[in-house]
Amino acid sequence: MGMIEILYGKHYNIYEIIADCSDQGHSGLSRLRIFVICAHKVHTTMLCDPVLLYDKITAVVKKYARTEPKDYLVSDRYEILREAADLAIVRKKQVRAVT
């Protein structure tokens, strides 16, 4: 954030929020995002610290919403069996017939 502070720090209060997908309930994804909030020192009034607010909101979201990789992957029976067969070849195993 160094360059943003150098360029805008004189006129803005700068807040950095590092967000993970799991903060929004998507634990099946892995990608950090950085949000930078610039609040003008004269023209804005801070009612709540943005980082604390983000933490409070994500705590509630994490309680009620959570996805996992299996929620994103939808395959029909043939695709699942084909993947199992490919894995069995690699592991030098035999695939059992499933009815």
Foldseek 3Di string as FASTA:
>chain_A
DVVCCVVCVVFWDKDKEWDFPVLQAEPQDGDIDIDIDTHGPPPDDDPDDPRVVSVVSSVVNNVPHHDHPVVVDDDDPVVVVVVVVVVCVVVVHDDDDDD
